[in-house]
């Protein structure tokens, strides 16, 4: 999995994930975010090809530990990642949107 982070002018950290988010990658993801507590997060999963239960759990734990908002951007609603997100009702815990622009608006409203 590749992880790339970029801080917006408004102080929101956009973390783009590509590849798969499962056991080993979830640990890598957690390490990457360990020292960035002060930011609201956008987790851009539009280039993610697979997310397992451990990956979903990592997102839920991220939301639980953070004082700032976490927003998830998912790809087309028919993609395998989107189907997992919908199946586990992740949107009941973390705001889930389909565009980066929507995610920035939600994150900035925190």
N, C-alpha and C. Protein backbone atom coordinates (compact mmCIF):
# COMPACT_ATOMS: atom_id res chain seq x y z
N UNK A 1 0.85 -1.17 0.00
CA UNK A 1 0.00 0.00 0.00
C UNK A 1 0.89 1.23 0.00
N UNK A 2 0.50 2.22 -0.76
CA UNK A 2 1.18 3.50 -0.76
C UNK A 2 0.35 4.50 0.03
N UNK A 3 1.04 5.33 0.82
CA UNK A 3 0.39 6.36 1.62
C UNK A 3 1.05 7.68 1.28
N UNK A 4 0.21 8.68 1.00
CA UNK A 4 0.72 10.01 0.72
C UNK A 4 -0.12 11.01 1.49
N UNK A 5 0.51 11.89 2.24
CA UNK A 5 -0.21 12.90 3.01
C UNK A 5 0.09 14.29 2.51
N UNK A 6 -0.95 15.12 2.54
CA UNK A 6 -0.79 16.52 2.14
C UNK A 6 -1.67 17.38 3.02
N UNK A 7 -1.10 18.44 3.56
CA UNK A 7 -1.83 19.35 4.43
C UNK A 7 -2.45 20.47 3.60
N UNK A 8 -3.76 20.67 3.76
CA UNK A 8 -4.43 21.75 3.03
C UNK A 8 -4.14 23.08 3.71
N UNK A 9 -4.46 24.17 3.04
CA UNK A 9 -4.27 25.51 3.61
C UNK A 9 -5.07 25.70 4.90
N UNK A 10 -6.18 24.97 5.03
CA UNK A 10 -7.02 25.11 6.22
C UNK A 10 -6.61 24.15 7.35
N UNK A 11 -5.52 23.42 7.17
CA UNK A 11 -5.01 22.56 8.23
C UNK A 11 -5.60 21.17 8.29
N UNK A 12 -6.23 20.73 7.20
CA UNK A 12 -6.78 19.38 7.13
C UNK A 12 -5.75 18.48 6.45
N UNK A 13 -5.45 17.34 7.05
CA UNK A 13 -4.50 16.41 6.47
C UNK A 13 -5.23 15.43 5.57
N UNK A 14 -4.90 15.48 4.27
CA UNK A 14 -5.49 14.54 3.31
C UNK A 14 -4.50 13.40 3.15
N UNK A 15 -4.94 12.20 3.54
CA UNK A 15 -4.10 11.00 3.46
C UNK A 15 -4.67 10.13 2.35
N UNK A 16 -3.91 9.99 1.27
CA UNK A 16 -4.34 9.20 0.13
C UNK A 16 -3.74 7.81 0.21
N UNK A 17 -4.60 6.81 0.10
CA UNK A 17 -4.17 5.41 0.15
C UNK A 17 -4.36 4.77 -1.21
N UNK A 18 -3.41 3.94 -1.61
CA UNK A 18 -3.59 3.17 -2.84
C UNK A 18 -3.11 1.75 -2.59
N UNK A 19 -3.71 0.81 -3.28
CA UNK A 19 -3.38 -0.59 -3.09
C UNK A 19 -4.39 -1.26 -2.17
N UNK A 20 -3.89 -2.02 -1.19
CA UNK A 20 -4.76 -2.78 -0.29
C UNK A 20 -4.56 -2.33 1.15
N UNK A 21 -5.64 -2.36 1.92
CA UNK A 21 -5.57 -2.02 3.34
C UNK A 21 -6.05 -3.23 4.14
N UNK A 22 -5.07 -4.02 4.59
CA UNK A 22 -5.37 -5.20 5.38
C UNK A 22 -4.39 -5.25 6.55
N UNK A 23 -4.02 -6.39 7.03
CA UNK A 23 -3.28 -6.53 8.29
C UNK A 23 -1.98 -5.72 8.30
N UNK A 24 -1.03 -6.06 7.45
CA UNK A 24 0.26 -5.36 7.46
C UNK A 24 0.11 -3.89 7.12
N UNK A 25 -0.75 -3.61 6.15
CA UNK A 25 -0.94 -2.24 5.72
C UNK A 25 -1.61 -1.41 6.80
N UNK A 26 -2.50 -2.01 7.59
CA UNK A 26 -3.16 -1.29 8.68
C UNK A 26 -2.14 -0.84 9.72
N UNK A 27 -1.15 -1.68 9.99
CA UNK A 27 -0.09 -1.29 10.92
C UNK A 27 0.74 -0.15 10.34
N UNK A 28 1.03 -0.21 9.05
CA UNK A 28 1.76 0.86 8.38
C UNK A 28 0.96 2.16 8.43
N UNK A 29 -0.33 2.07 8.19
CA UNK A 29 -1.24 3.21 8.24
C UNK A 29 -1.24 3.84 9.63
N UNK A 30 -1.33 3.02 10.67
CA UNK A 30 -1.34 3.52 12.05
C UNK A 30 -0.02 4.21 12.39
N UNK A 31 1.10 3.64 11.95
CA UNK A 31 2.41 4.26 12.19
C UNK A 31 2.49 5.62 11.50
N UNK A 32 1.97 5.69 10.30
CA UNK A 32 2.02 6.94 9.53
C UNK A 32 1.28 8.06 10.26
N UNK A 33 0.14 7.72 10.87
CA UNK A 33 -0.70 8.74 11.51
C UNK A 33 -0.35 9.00 12.97
N UNK A 34 0.56 8.26 13.52
CA UNK A 34 0.87 8.32 14.94
C UNK A 34 1.18 9.73 15.45
N UNK A 35 1.90 10.51 14.68
CA UNK A 35 2.36 11.82 15.16
C UNK A 35 1.59 13.00 14.56
N UNK A 36 0.37 12.77 14.15
CA UNK A 36 -0.37 13.84 13.49
C UNK A 36 -1.71 14.12 14.17
N UNK A 37 -1.75 14.09 15.48
CA UNK A 37 -2.99 14.25 16.24
C UNK A 37 -3.68 15.60 16.08
N UNK A 38 -2.95 16.61 15.72
CA UNK A 38 -3.54 17.95 15.74
C UNK A 38 -4.41 18.27 14.52
N UNK A 39 -4.49 17.40 13.56
CA UNK A 39 -5.20 17.69 12.33
C UNK A 39 -6.53 16.95 12.23
N UNK A 40 -7.47 17.56 11.50
CA UNK A 40 -8.62 16.80 11.00
C UNK A 40 -8.08 15.98 9.84
N UNK A 41 -8.70 14.83 9.59
CA UNK A 41 -8.20 13.92 8.56
C UNK A 41 -9.23 13.70 7.47
N UNK A 42 -8.73 13.60 6.27
CA UNK A 42 -9.50 13.05 5.15
C UNK A 42 -8.72 11.82 4.70
N UNK A 43 -9.37 10.68 4.73
CA UNK A 43 -8.74 9.45 4.26
C UNK A 43 -9.30 9.19 2.86
N UNK A 44 -8.49 9.45 1.85
CA UNK A 44 -8.90 9.30 0.46
C UNK A 44 -8.64 7.87 0.01
N UNK A 45 -9.71 7.11 -0.12
CA UNK A 45 -9.59 5.70 -0.50
C UNK A 45 -10.00 5.47 -1.95
N UNK A 46 -10.00 6.51 -2.76
CA UNK A 46 -10.45 6.36 -4.15
C UNK A 46 -9.52 5.48 -4.98
N UNK A 47 -8.27 5.32 -4.54
CA UNK A 47 -7.32 4.46 -5.27
C UNK A 47 -7.03 3.15 -4.53
N UNK A 48 -7.80 2.89 -3.49
CA UNK A 48 -7.66 1.64 -2.75
C UNK A 48 -8.40 0.55 -3.51
N UNK A 49 -7.78 -0.60 -3.65
CA UNK A 49 -8.40 -1.70 -4.41
C UNK A 49 -9.03 -2.74 -3.50
N UNK A 50 -8.64 -2.76 -2.22
CA UNK A 50 -9.17 -3.75 -1.29
C UNK A 50 -9.09 -3.21 0.13
N UNK A 51 -10.11 -3.47 0.92
CA UNK A 51 -10.06 -3.16 2.35
C UNK A 51 -10.64 -4.35 3.10
N UNK A 52 -9.86 -4.87 4.03
CA UNK A 52 -10.31 -5.99 4.85
C UNK A 52 -10.87 -5.50 6.17
N UNK A 53 -11.31 -6.44 6.98
CA UNK A 53 -11.90 -6.07 8.27
C UNK A 53 -10.90 -5.36 9.17
N UNK A 54 -9.63 -5.73 9.08
CA UNK A 54 -8.60 -5.06 9.87
C UNK A 54 -8.47 -3.60 9.42
N UNK A 55 -8.57 -3.35 8.13
CA UNK A 55 -8.52 -1.99 7.60
C UNK A 55 -9.70 -1.16 8.07
N UNK A 56 -10.89 -1.75 8.05
CA UNK A 56 -12.08 -1.06 8.55
C UNK A 56 -11.89 -0.75 10.04
N UNK A 57 -11.39 -1.73 10.78
CA UNK A 57 -11.14 -1.52 12.20
C UNK A 57 -10.14 -0.40 12.46
N UNK A 58 -9.13 -0.28 11.61
CA UNK A 58 -8.14 0.79 11.75
C UNK A 58 -8.79 2.15 11.57
N UNK A 59 -9.73 2.26 10.62
CA UNK A 59 -10.43 3.52 10.41
C UNK A 59 -11.31 3.87 11.61
N UNK A 60 -12.01 2.88 12.14
CA UNK A 60 -12.88 3.11 13.31
C UNK A 60 -12.03 3.53 14.51
N UNK A 61 -10.92 2.85 14.72
CA UNK A 61 -10.03 3.19 15.83
C UNK A 61 -9.45 4.59 15.66
N UNK A 62 -9.12 4.96 14.44
CA UNK A 62 -8.64 6.31 14.17
C UNK A 62 -9.67 7.34 14.59
N UNK A 63 -10.91 7.13 14.23
CA UNK A 63 -11.98 8.05 14.60
C UNK A 63 -12.14 8.10 16.13
N UNK A 64 -12.06 6.98 16.77
CA UNK A 64 -12.26 6.91 18.21
C UNK A 64 -11.17 7.65 18.98
N UNK A 65 -9.93 7.57 18.50
CA UNK A 65 -8.79 8.16 19.20
C UNK A 65 -8.62 9.65 18.95
N UNK A 66 -9.14 10.15 17.88
CA UNK A 66 -8.87 11.53 17.48
C UNK A 66 -9.87 12.51 18.06
N UNK A 67 -9.34 13.69 18.37
CA UNK A 67 -10.21 14.77 18.82
C UNK A 67 -10.80 15.52 17.62
N UNK A 68 -10.10 15.45 16.51
CA UNK A 68 -10.54 16.13 15.29
C UNK A 68 -11.32 15.16 14.42
N UNK A 69 -12.03 15.71 13.48
CA UNK A 69 -12.89 14.91 12.60
C UNK A 69 -12.08 14.07 11.62
N UNK A 70 -12.62 12.91 11.31
CA UNK A 70 -12.08 12.04 10.27
C UNK A 70 -13.18 11.88 9.22
N UNK A 71 -12.85 12.08 7.95
CA UNK A 71 -13.79 11.93 6.85
C UNK A 71 -13.17 10.95 5.85
N UNK A 72 -13.99 10.03 5.34
CA UNK A 72 -13.51 9.04 4.38
C UNK A 72 -14.08 9.35 3.01
N UNK A 73 -13.22 9.35 1.99
CA UNK A 73 -13.65 9.50 0.60
C UNK A 73 -13.56 8.13 -0.05
N UNK A 74 -14.67 7.67 -0.63
CA UNK A 74 -14.69 6.36 -1.27
C UNK A 74 -14.83 6.51 -2.78
N UNK A 75 -14.42 5.50 -3.51
CA UNK A 75 -14.57 5.53 -4.96
C UNK A 75 -16.02 5.30 -5.37
N UNK A 76 -16.23 5.14 -6.63
CA UNK A 76 -17.54 4.83 -7.18
C UNK A 76 -18.26 3.82 -6.31
N UNK A 77 -19.53 4.01 -6.08
CA UNK A 77 -20.27 3.16 -5.13
C UNK A 77 -20.36 1.70 -5.51
N UNK A 78 -19.94 1.34 -6.71
CA UNK A 78 -19.95 -0.07 -7.13
C UNK A 78 -18.60 -0.74 -6.97
N UNK A 79 -17.60 -0.02 -6.51
CA UNK A 79 -16.27 -0.60 -6.35
C UNK A 79 -16.26 -1.55 -5.15
N UNK A 80 -15.34 -2.50 -5.13
CA UNK A 80 -15.26 -3.43 -3.98
C UNK A 80 -15.06 -2.71 -2.64
N UNK A 81 -14.26 -1.65 -2.63
CA UNK A 81 -14.03 -0.91 -1.39
C UNK A 81 -15.32 -0.24 -0.92
N UNK A 82 -16.03 0.37 -1.85
CA UNK A 82 -17.30 1.01 -1.49
C UNK A 82 -18.32 0.01 -0.98
N UNK A 83 -18.36 -1.16 -1.58
CA UNK A 83 -19.30 -2.19 -1.13
C UNK A 83 -19.00 -2.63 0.30
N UNK A 84 -17.72 -2.75 0.65
CA UNK A 84 -17.36 -3.10 2.03
C UNK A 84 -17.78 -1.98 2.97
N UNK A 85 -17.48 -0.75 2.61
CA UNK A 85 -17.84 0.40 3.45
C UNK A 85 -19.35 0.44 3.68
N UNK A 86 -20.12 0.19 2.63
CA UNK A 86 -21.58 0.19 2.76
C UNK A 86 -22.06 -1.00 3.59
N UNK A 87 -21.48 -2.16 3.38
CA UNK A 87 -21.91 -3.38 4.08
C UNK A 87 -21.72 -3.26 5.59
N UNK A 88 -20.62 -2.67 6.02
CA UNK A 88 -20.35 -2.55 7.47
C UNK A 88 -20.92 -1.26 8.05
N UNK A 89 -21.63 -0.49 7.23
CA UNK A 89 -22.23 0.77 7.69
C UNK A 89 -21.21 1.72 8.32
N UNK A 90 -20.05 1.82 7.69
CA UNK A 90 -19.01 2.70 8.21
C UNK A 90 -19.49 4.14 8.32
N UNK A 91 -20.39 4.53 7.44
CA UNK A 91 -20.93 5.88 7.46
C UNK A 91 -21.69 6.23 8.73
N UNK A 92 -22.07 5.24 9.52
CA UNK A 92 -22.72 5.51 10.80
C UNK A 92 -21.72 5.95 11.86
N UNK A 93 -20.42 5.72 11.60
CA UNK A 93 -19.38 6.06 12.57
C UNK A 93 -18.52 7.22 12.08
N UNK A 94 -18.22 7.20 10.80
CA UNK A 94 -17.34 8.18 10.17
C UNK A 94 -18.06 8.76 8.97
N UNK A 95 -18.04 10.09 8.78
CA UNK A 95 -18.64 10.63 7.55
C UNK A 95 -17.97 10.03 6.31
N UNK A 96 -18.79 9.57 5.38
CA UNK A 96 -18.30 8.97 4.14
C UNK A 96 -18.88 9.78 2.98
N UNK A 97 -18.01 10.26 2.12
CA UNK A 97 -18.43 11.05 0.96
C UNK A 97 -17.75 10.50 -0.29
N UNK A 98 -18.15 11.02 -1.46
CA UNK A 98 -17.58 10.50 -2.69
C UNK A 98 -16.67 11.47 -3.43
N UNK A 99 -16.50 12.68 -2.92
CA UNK A 99 -15.57 13.60 -3.57
C UNK A 99 -14.66 14.25 -2.53
N UNK A 100 -13.48 14.61 -2.95
CA UNK A 100 -12.54 15.27 -2.07
C UNK A 100 -13.08 16.65 -1.65
N UNK A 101 -13.74 17.32 -2.55
CA UNK A 101 -14.33 18.63 -2.23
C UNK A 101 -15.35 18.52 -1.10
N UNK A 102 -16.21 17.52 -1.17
CA UNK A 102 -17.18 17.30 -0.09
C UNK A 102 -16.47 16.98 1.21
N UNK A 103 -15.43 16.17 1.14
CA UNK A 103 -14.70 15.79 2.34
C UNK A 103 -14.06 17.00 3.00
N UNK A 104 -13.49 17.89 2.21
CA UNK A 104 -12.86 19.11 2.76
C UNK A 104 -13.91 19.97 3.46
N UNK A 105 -15.08 20.12 2.85
CA UNK A 105 -16.15 20.91 3.48
C UNK A 105 -16.57 20.30 4.81
N UNK A 106 -16.72 18.98 4.85
CA UNK A 106 -17.13 18.31 6.09
C UNK A 106 -16.03 18.44 7.15
N UNK A 107 -14.80 18.22 6.76
CA UNK A 107 -13.68 18.28 7.72
C UNK A 107 -13.49 19.69 8.27
N UNK A 108 -13.66 20.69 7.44
CA UNK A 108 -13.49 22.08 7.88
C UNK A 108 -14.62 22.52 8.80
N UNK A 109 -15.74 21.84 8.75
CA UNK A 109 -16.87 22.21 9.60
C UNK A 109 -16.73 21.65 11.02
N UNK A 110 -15.66 20.89 11.24
CA UNK A 110 -15.46 20.26 12.56
C UNK A 110 -15.06 21.28 13.59
